[in-house]
C-alpha atoms as a PDB file:
ATOM      1  CA  UNK A   1      59.763 108.396 241.021  1.00  0.00           C
ATOM      2  CA  UNK A   2      59.138 105.636 238.606  1.00  0.00           C
ATOM      3  CA  UNK A   3      59.573 108.455 235.895  1.00  0.00           C
ATOM      4  CA  UNK A   4      62.802 109.718 237.523  1.00  0.00           C
ATOM      5  CA  UNK A   5      64.110 106.075 237.678  1.00  0.00           C
ATOM      6  CA  UNK A   6      63.282 105.453 234.003  1.00  0.00           C
ATOM      7  CA  UNK A   7      64.897 108.739 232.854  1.00  0.00           C
ATOM      8  CA  UNK A   8      68.503 107.765 233.567  1.00  0.00           C
ATOM      9  CA  UNK A   9      67.915 104.286 232.126  1.00  0.00           C
ATOM     10  CA  UNK A  10      66.644 105.934 228.980  1.00  0.00           C
ATOM     11  CA  UNK A  11      69.467 108.288 228.983  1.00  0.00           C
ATOM     12  CA  UNK A  12      72.021 105.301 229.430  1.00  0.00           C
ATOM     13  CA  UNK A  13      70.396 103.531 226.715  1.00  0.00           C
ATOM     14  CA  UNK A  14      70.487 106.542 224.406  1.00  0.00           C
ATOM     15  CA  UNK A  15      74.038 107.151 225.209  1.00  0.00           C
ATOM     16  CA  UNK A  16      75.109 103.649 224.629  1.00  0.00           C
ATOM     17  CA  UNK A  17      74.312 103.626 220.987  1.00  0.00           C
ATOM     18  CA  UNK A  18      76.093 106.832 220.404  1.00  0.00           C
ATOM     19  CA  UNK A  19      79.230 105.315 222.026  1.00  0.00           C
ATOM     20  CA  UNK A  20      78.675 102.263 220.060  1.00  0.00           C
ATOM     21  CA  UNK A  21      78.335 104.361 216.790  1.00  0.00           C
ATOM     22  CA  UNK A  22      81.571 106.149 217.818  1.00  0.00           C
ATOM     23  CA  UNK A  23      83.389 102.952 218.463  1.00  0.00           C
ATOM     24  CA  UNK A  24      82.050 101.533 215.350  1.00  0.00           C
ATOM     25  CA  UNK A  25      83.114 104.643 213.238  1.00  0.00           C
ATOM     26  CA  UNK A  26      86.597 104.416 214.783  1.00  0.00           C
ATOM     27  CA  UNK A  27      86.872 100.773 213.876  1.00  0.00           C
ATOM     28  CA  UNK A  28      85.699 101.504 210.493  1.00  0.00           C
ATOM     29  CA  UNK A  29      88.286 104.368 210.205  1.00  0.00           C
ATOM     30  CA  UNK A  30      90.938 102.040 211.525  1.00  0.00           C
ATOM     31  CA  UNK A  31      89.782  99.494 209.167  1.00  0.00           C
ATOM     32  CA  UNK A  32      89.952 101.790 206.256  1.00  0.00           C
ATOM     33  CA  UNK A  33      93.458 102.912 207.139  1.00  0.00           C
ATOM     34  CA  UNK A  34      94.688  99.328 207.440  1.00  0.00           C
ATOM     35  CA  UNK A  35      92.340  98.138 204.483  1.00  0.00           C
ATOM     36  CA  UNK A  36      95.190  98.117 201.923  1.00  0.00           C
ATOM     37  CA  UNK A  37      98.635  98.680 203.619  1.00  0.00           C
ATOM     38  CA  UNK A  38     100.180  97.767 200.291  1.00  0.00           C
ATOM     39  CA  UNK A  39      98.480 100.475 198.376  1.00  0.00           C
ATOM     40  CA  UNK A  40      99.519 103.051 201.277  1.00  0.00           C
ATOM     41  CA  UNK A  41     103.139 101.763 200.991  1.00  0.00           C
ATOM     42  CA  UNK A  42     102.935 102.092 197.114  1.00  0.00           C
ATOM     43  CA  UNK A  43     101.725 105.709 197.676  1.00  0.00           C
ATOM     44  CA  UNK A  44     104.528 106.696 199.817  1.00  0.00           C
ATOM     45  CA  UNK A  45     107.135 105.093 197.523  1.00  0.00           C
ATOM     46  CA  UNK A  46     105.567 107.063 194.537  1.00  0.00           C
ATOM     47  CA  UNK A  47     105.877 110.244 196.743  1.00  0.00           C
ATOM     48  CA  UNK A  48     109.471 109.549 197.630  1.00  0.00           C
ATOM     49  CA  UNK A  49     110.277 108.677 193.968  1.00  0.00           C
ATOM     50  CA  UNK A  50     108.703 111.903 192.752  1.00  0.00           C
ATOM     51  CA  UNK A  51     110.837 113.934 195.285  1.00  0.00           C
ATOM     52  CA  UNK A  52     113.854 111.995 194.222  1.00  0.00           C
ATOM     53  CA  UNK A  53     113.190 112.786 190.577  1.00  0.00           C
ATOM     54  CA  UNK A  54     112.471 116.343 191.296  1.00  0.00           C
ATOM     55  CA  UNK A  55     115.970 116.789 192.859  1.00  0.00           C
ATOM     56  CA  UNK A  56     117.584 115.057 189.864  1.00  0.00           C
ATOM     57  CA  UNK A  57     115.630 117.258 187.451  1.00  0.00           C
ATOM     58  CA  UNK A  58     116.414 120.372 189.386  1.00  0.00           C
ATOM     59  CA  UNK A  59     120.093 119.687 189.132  1.00  0.00           C
ATOM     60  CA  UNK A  60     119.926 118.914 185.446  1.00  0.00           C
ATOM     61  CA  UNK A  61     118.127 122.263 184.727  1.00  0.00           C
ATOM     62  CA  UNK A  62     120.556 124.213 186.639  1.00  0.00           C
ATOM     63  CA  UNK A  63     123.371 122.586 184.672  1.00  0.00           C
ATOM     64  CA  UNK A  64     121.545 123.223 181.341  1.00  0.00           C
ATOM     65  CA  UNK A  65     121.426 126.926 182.277  1.00  0.00           C
ATOM     66  CA  UNK A  66     125.252 127.112 182.404  1.00  0.00           C
ATOM     67  CA  UNK A  67     126.289 125.875 185.796  1.00  0.00           C
ATOM     68  CA  UNK A  68     128.799 123.312 186.213  1.00  0.00           C
ATOM     69  CA  UNK A  69     128.100 120.330 188.505  1.00  0.00           C
ATOM     70  CA  UNK A  70     130.611 121.169 191.003  1.00  0.00           C
ATOM     71  CA  UNK A  71     129.351 124.764 191.425  1.00  0.00           C
ATOM     72  CA  UNK A  72     125.753 123.510 192.380  1.00  0.00           C
ATOM     73  CA  UNK A  73     124.976 123.641 195.986  1.00  0.00           C
ATOM     74  CA  UNK A  74     122.564 121.492 197.874  1.00  0.00           C
ATOM     75  CA  UNK A  75     120.423 124.440 198.920  1.00  0.00           C
ATOM     76  CA  UNK A  76     120.079 125.668 195.340  1.00  0.00           C
ATOM     77  CA  UNK A  77     119.088 122.175 194.132  1.00  0.00           C
ATOM     78  CA  UNK A  78     116.495 121.730 196.922  1.00  0.00           C
ATOM     79  CA  UNK A  79     115.052 125.170 196.473  1.00  0.00           C
ATOM     80  CA  UNK A  80     114.763 124.538 192.671  1.00  0.00           C
ATOM     81  CA  UNK A  81     113.040 121.279 193.371  1.00  0.00           C
ATOM     82  CA  UNK A  82     110.692 122.777 195.885  1.00  0.00           C
ATOM     83  CA  UNK A  83     111.695 120.801 198.917  1.00  0.00           C
ATOM     84  CA  UNK A  84     113.507 121.610 202.310  1.00  0.00           C
ATOM     85  CA  UNK A  85     117.276 120.841 202.487  1.00  0.00           C
ATOM     86  CA  UNK A  86     116.716 117.993 205.107  1.00  0.00           C
ATOM     87  CA  UNK A  87     114.616 116.072 202.484  1.00  0.00           C
ATOM     88  CA  UNK A  88     117.671 115.794 200.241  1.00  0.00           C
ATOM     89  CA  UNK A  89     119.224 113.481 202.816  1.00  0.00           C
ATOM     90  CA  UNK A  90     116.372 110.984 202.576  1.00  0.00           C
ATOM     91  CA  UNK A  91     117.401 110.308 198.920  1.00  0.00           C
ATOM     92  CA  UNK A  92     121.234 111.071 198.494  1.00  0.00           C
ATOM     93  CA  UNK A  93     123.964 111.144 201.155  1.00  0.00           C
ATOM     94  CA  UNK A  94     125.905 113.925 199.331  1.00  0.00           C
ATOM     95  CA  UNK A  95     125.984 115.899 196.085  1.00  0.00           C
ATOM     96  CA  UNK A  96     128.347 113.598 194.739  1.00  0.00           C
ATOM     97  CA  UNK A  97     125.915 110.708 195.199  1.00  0.00           C
ATOM     98  CA  UNK A  98     123.247 112.816 193.318  1.00  0.00           C
ATOM     99  CA  UNK A  99     125.769 113.239 190.514  1.00  0.00           C
ATOM    100  CA  UNK A 100     126.449 109.485 190.231  1.00  0.00           C
ATOM    101  CA  UNK A 101     122.650 109.112 190.109  1.00  0.00           C
ATOM    102  CA  UNK A 102     122.578 111.542 187.166  1.00  0.00           C
ATOM    103  CA  UNK A 103     125.240 109.431 185.559  1.00  0.00           C
ATOM    104  CA  UNK A 104     123.310 106.221 185.823  1.00  0.00           C
ATOM    105  CA  UNK A 105     120.080 107.969 184.675  1.00  0.00           C
ATOM    106  CA  UNK A 106     121.836 109.566 181.742  1.00  0.00           C
ATOM    107  CA  UNK A 107     123.448 106.347 180.395  1.00  0.00           C
ATOM    108  CA  UNK A 108     119.968 104.619 180.799  1.00  0.00           C
ATOM    109  CA  UNK A 109     118.944 106.942 178.002  1.00  0.00           C
ATOM    110  CA  UNK A 110     121.815 105.927 175.774  1.00  0.00           C
ATOM    111  CA  UNK A 111     121.183 102.343 176.379  1.00  0.00           C
ATOM    112  CA  UNK A 112     117.435 102.936 175.502  1.00  0.00           C
ATOM    113  CA  UNK A 113     118.872 104.613 172.331  1.00  0.00           C
ATOM    114  CA  UNK A 114     120.977 101.582 171.392  1.00  0.00           C
ATOM    115  CA  UNK A 115     117.969  99.216 172.231  1.00  0.00           C
ATOM    116  CA  UNK A 116     115.867 101.433 169.749  1.00  0.00           C
ATOM    117  CA  UNK A 117     118.463 101.264 166.995  1.00  0.00           C
ATOM    118  CA  UNK A 118     118.673  97.554 167.347  1.00  0.00           C
ATOM    119  CA  UNK A 119     114.921  96.895 167.328  1.00  0.00           C
ATOM    120  CA  UNK A 120     114.399  99.314 164.557  1.00  0.00           C
ATOM    121  CA  UNK A 121     116.171  96.708 162.267  1.00  0.00           C
ATOM    122  CA  UNK A 122     116.440  98.996 159.088  1.00  0.00           C
ATOM    123  CA  UNK A 123     118.054  97.544 156.012  1.00  0.00           C
ATOM    124  CA  UNK A 124     121.739  97.472 155.782  1.00  0.00           C
ATOM    125  CA  UNK A 125     121.978 100.272 153.401  1.00  0.00           C
ATOM    126  CA  UNK A 126     119.978 102.563 155.621  1.00  0.00           C
ATOM    127  CA  UNK A 127     121.220 101.482 159.124  1.00  0.00           C
ATOM    128  CA  UNK A 128     123.885 104.264 159.317  1.00  0.00           C
ATOM    129  CA  UNK A 129     121.297 107.065 158.316  1.00  0.00           C
ATOM    130  CA  UNK A 130     118.828 105.550 160.748  1.00  0.00           C
ATOM    131  CA  UNK A 131     121.365 105.296 163.490  1.00  0.00           C
ATOM    132  CA  UNK A 132     122.217 109.012 163.185  1.00  0.00           C
ATOM    133  CA  UNK A 133     118.473 109.942 163.039  1.00  0.00           C
ATOM    134  CA  UNK A 134     118.024 107.890 166.312  1.00  0.00           C
ATOM    135  CA  UNK A 135     120.991 109.727 167.896  1.00  0.00           C
ATOM    136  CA  UNK A 136     119.870 113.220 167.041  1.00  0.00           C
ATOM    137  CA  UNK A 137     116.142 112.407 168.182  1.00  0.00           C
ATOM    138  CA  UNK A 138     117.556 111.260 171.500  1.00  0.00           C
ATOM    139  CA  UNK A 139     119.806 114.361 172.157  1.00  0.00           C
ATOM    140  CA  UNK A 140     116.601 116.536 171.368  1.00  0.00           C
ATOM    141  CA  UNK A 141     114.432 114.516 173.766  1.00  0.00           C
ATOM    142  CA  UNK A 142     117.156 114.133 176.542  1.00  0.00           C
ATOM    143  CA  UNK A 143     119.187 117.368 175.972  1.00  0.00           C
ATOM    144  CA  UNK A 144     119.806 118.063 179.759  1.00  0.00           C
ATOM    145  CA  UNK A 145     121.291 114.534 180.122  1.00  0.00           C
ATOM    146  CA  UNK A 146     123.476 114.788 177.356  1.00  0.00           C
ATOM    147  CA  UNK A 147     124.616 118.209 178.303  1.00  0.00           C
ATOM    148  CA  UNK A 148     125.436 116.995 181.814  1.00  0.00           C
ATOM    149  CA  UNK A 149     127.587 114.065 180.631  1.00  0.00           C
ATOM    150  CA  UNK A 150     129.391 116.303 178.121  1.00  0.00           C
ATOM    151  CA  UNK A 151     130.193 118.845 180.890  1.00  0.00           C
ATOM    152  CA  UNK A 152     131.050 116.408 183.507  1.00  0.00           C
ATOM    153  CA  UNK A 153     133.377 114.380 181.372  1.00  0.00           C
ATOM    154  CA  UNK A 154     135.502 117.424 181.066  1.00  0.00           C
ATOM    155  CA  UNK A 155     134.972 119.683 184.254  1.00  0.00           C
ATOM    156  CA  UNK A 156     133.225 117.290 186.717  1.00  0.00           C
ATOM    157  CA  UNK A 157     135.091 116.047 189.826  1.00  0.00           C
ATOM    158  CA  UNK A 158     137.025 112.775 189.712  1.00  0.00           C
ATOM    159  CA  UNK A 159     134.213 110.622 190.893  1.00  0.00           C
ATOM    160  CA  UNK A 160     132.006 111.652 188.281  1.00  0.00           C
ATOM    161  CA  UNK A 161     134.704 111.396 185.394  1.00  0.00           C
ATOM    162  CA  UNK A 162     135.524 107.908 186.574  1.00  0.00           C
ATOM    163  CA  UNK A 163     131.814 106.746 186.677  1.00  0.00           C
ATOM    164  CA  UNK A 164     131.292 108.227 183.189  1.00  0.00           C
ATOM    165  CA  UNK A 165     134.371 106.442 181.739  1.00  0.00           C
ATOM    166  CA  UNK A 166     133.223 103.110 183.149  1.00  0.00           C
ATOM    167  CA  UNK A 167     129.731 103.621 181.561  1.00  0.00           C
ATOM    168  CA  UNK A 168     131.359 104.563 178.268  1.00  0.00           C
ATOM    169  CA  UNK A 169     133.354 101.248 178.375  1.00  0.00           C
ATOM    170  CA  UNK A 170     130.129  99.310 179.157  1.00  0.00           C
ATOM    171  CA  UNK A 171     128.325 101.142 176.430  1.00  0.00           C
ATOM    172  CA  UNK A 172     131.077 100.285 174.074  1.00  0.00           C
ATOM    173  CA  UNK A 173     131.010  96.706 174.988  1.00  0.00           C
ATOM    174  CA  UNK A 174     127.236  96.394 174.503  1.00  0.00           C
ATOM    175  CA  UNK A 175     127.800  97.929 171.005  1.00  0.00           C
ATOM    176  CA  UNK A 176     130.564  95.650 170.116  1.00  0.00           C
ATOM    177  CA  UNK A 177     128.257  92.719 170.847  1.00  0.00           C
ATOM    178  CA  UNK A 178     125.759  94.069 168.539  1.00  0.00           C
ATOM    179  CA  UNK A 179     128.384  94.401 165.770  1.00  0.00           C
ATOM    180  CA  UNK A 180     129.378  90.794 166.366  1.00  0.00           C
ATOM    181  CA  UNK A 181     126.025  89.789 164.919  1.00  0.00           C
ATOM    182  CA  UNK A 182     126.676  91.337 161.625  1.00  0.00           C
ATOM    183  CA  UNK A 183     127.780  88.730 158.969  1.00  0.00           C
ATOM    184  CA  UNK A 184     130.842  90.590 157.989  1.00  0.00           C
ATOM    185  CA  UNK A 185     132.104  90.866 161.640  1.00  0.00           C
ATOM    186  CA  UNK A 186     131.302  87.374 162.975  1.00  0.00           C
ATOM    187  CA  UNK A 187     134.813  86.250 162.568  1.00  0.00           C
ATOM    188  CA  UNK A 188     136.390  89.255 164.196  1.00  0.00           C
ATOM    189  CA  UNK A 189     138.264  88.975 167.538  1.00  0.00           C
ATOM    190  CA  UNK A 190     136.821  90.631 170.448  1.00  0.00           C
ATOM    191  CA  UNK A 191     139.655  93.171 170.664  1.00  0.00           C
ATOM    192  CA  UNK A 192     139.026  94.417 167.059  1.00  0.00           C
ATOM    193  CA  UNK A 193     135.235  94.492 167.657  1.00  0.00           C
ATOM    194  CA  UNK A 194     135.873  96.714 170.659  1.00  0.00           C
ATOM    195  CA  UNK A 195     138.190  98.928 168.479  1.00  0.00           C
ATOM    196  CA  UNK A 196     135.419  99.460 165.897  1.00  0.00           C
ATOM    197  CA  UNK A 197     132.821 100.082 168.559  1.00  0.00           C
ATOM    198  CA  UNK A 198     135.245 102.753 170.112  1.00  0.00           C
ATOM    199  CA  UNK A 199     135.444 104.374 166.800  1.00  0.00           C
ATOM    200  CA  UNK A 200     131.825 104.559 166.317  1.00  0.00           C
ATOM    201  CA  UNK A 201     131.202 105.696 170.045  1.00  0.00           C
ATOM    202  CA  UNK A 202     133.904 108.455 169.442  1.00  0.00           C
ATOM    203  CA  UNK A 203     132.014 109.590 166.460  1.00  0.00           C
ATOM    204  CA  UNK A 204     128.677 109.510 168.310  1.00  0.00           C
ATOM    205  CA  UNK A 205     130.224 111.607 171.238  1.00  0.00           C
ATOM    206  CA  UNK A 206     131.705 114.213 168.742  1.00  0.00           C
ATOM    207  CA  UNK A 207     128.188 114.539 167.098  1.00  0.00           C
ATOM    208  CA  UNK A 208     126.513 114.995 170.462  1.00  0.00           C
ATOM    209  CA  UNK A 209     128.933 117.688 171.369  1.00  0.00           C
ATOM    210  CA  UNK A 210     128.452 119.427 168.004  1.00  0.00           C
ATOM    211  CA  UNK A 211     124.608 119.332 168.366  1.00  0.00           C
ATOM    212  CA  UNK A 212     124.604 120.575 171.890  1.00  0.00           C
ATOM    213  CA  UNK A 213     126.612 123.606 170.645  1.00  0.00           C
ATOM    214  CA  UNK A 214     123.858 124.333 168.124  1.00  0.00           C
ATOM    215  CA  UNK A 215     121.058 126.660 169.178  1.00  0.00           C
ATOM    216  CA  UNK A 216     117.571 124.741 168.747  1.00  0.00           C
ATOM    217  CA  UNK A 217     116.539 127.478 166.457  1.00  0.00           C
ATOM    218  CA  UNK A 218     119.128 126.389 163.901  1.00  0.00           C
ATOM    219  CA  UNK A 219     117.865 123.174 162.102  1.00  0.00           C
ATOM    220  CA  UNK A 220     120.204 123.638 159.050  1.00  0.00           C
ATOM    221  CA  UNK A 221     123.268 123.611 161.358  1.00  0.00           C
ATOM    222  CA  UNK A 222     121.984 120.436 163.003  1.00  0.00           C
ATOM    223  CA  UNK A 223     121.096 118.811 159.429  1.00  0.00           C
ATOM    224  CA  UNK A 224     124.740 119.497 158.398  1.00  0.00           C
ATOM    225  CA  UNK A 225     126.156 117.967 161.643  1.00  0.00           C
ATOM    226  CA  UNK A 226     124.003 114.857 160.866  1.00  0.00           C
ATOM    227  CA  UNK A 227     125.389 114.601 157.459  1.00  0.00           C
ATOM    228  CA  UNK A 228     128.900 114.859 158.590  1.00  0.00           C
ATOM    229  CA  UNK A 229     128.270 112.149 161.228  1.00  0.00           C
ATOM    230  CA  UNK A 230     126.820 109.808 158.455  1.00  0.00           C
ATOM    231  CA  UNK A 231     129.983 110.228 156.375  1.00  0.00           C
ATOM    232  CA  UNK A 232     132.304 109.532 159.182  1.00  0.00           C
ATOM    233  CA  UNK A 233     130.311 106.488 160.074  1.00  0.00           C
ATOM    234  CA  UNK A 234     130.380 105.391 156.503  1.00  0.00           C
ATOM    235  CA  UNK A 235     134.060 105.738 156.337  1.00  0.00           C
ATOM    236  CA  UNK A 236     134.672 103.572 159.250  1.00  0.00           C
ATOM    237  CA  UNK A 237     132.271 100.815 157.917  1.00  0.00           C
ATOM    238  CA  UNK A 238     133.746 100.999 154.413  1.00  0.00           C
ATOM    239  CA  UNK A 239     137.141 100.114 155.956  1.00  0.00           C
ATOM    240  CA  UNK A 240     135.658  96.921 157.816  1.00  0.00           C
ATOM    241  CA  UNK A 241     135.761  94.470 155.034  1.00  0.00           C
ATOM    242  CA  UNK A 242     139.141  95.252 154.218  1.00  0.00           C
ATOM    243  CA  UNK A 243     140.511  94.742 157.786  1.00  0.00           C
ATOM    244  CA  UNK A 244     142.098  91.421 158.592  1.00  0.00           C
ATOM    245  CA  UNK A 245     140.965  90.878 162.072  1.00  0.00           C
ATOM    246  CA  UNK A 246     143.590  89.445 164.480  1.00  0.00           C
ATOM    247  CA  UNK A 247     146.541  90.760 162.732  1.00  0.00           C
END
């Protein structure tokens, strides 16, 4: 009998540590899960951002292949991005909103280009040549973005065309601000600075469109486009000292 009485007590004592270990393990797991909630949130945010970027990239690639933005469907974009259609609505309320996000992303690359040209600070006699080189390099590096802007500006829906016009005005104003720092233009009126900046932006736009029309396998044609762009920009800048601002 004493043995029988001791056996349950031993069994109970043996079970307790196992339960204790399980509870400890559970607490440890919970503790591990809660150990760094900021890291968890960061990981979730990174996953969301990757999905969002995948949707944007998928739309760009489809348009680079020849599709117009208005011809894209939600299903074709999500399929190309490798996500289910319902995942689209966690990031964009509609295809139009995705298009507006593409406009914003595309002009970020343009502003980065302007910033690079500003920070390069080449000698005045080389500033036009260097500016054209930076433009060509950015078109090569961000070809899908430039192709999207060019196509959407002429064939996109009204919301996209309006957004692009606004961004071009902002880009032109930023360029005018940079021009105002040049000694020869410091006394120019805001209106005239905007006019010169507009001429430069128009030349850049025409250059981008010409580069996009040239196959990647035709460097000679691209070099010719660059030379023409340099001449056009020089012609504009040669007229600057002769212009009486404010007249």
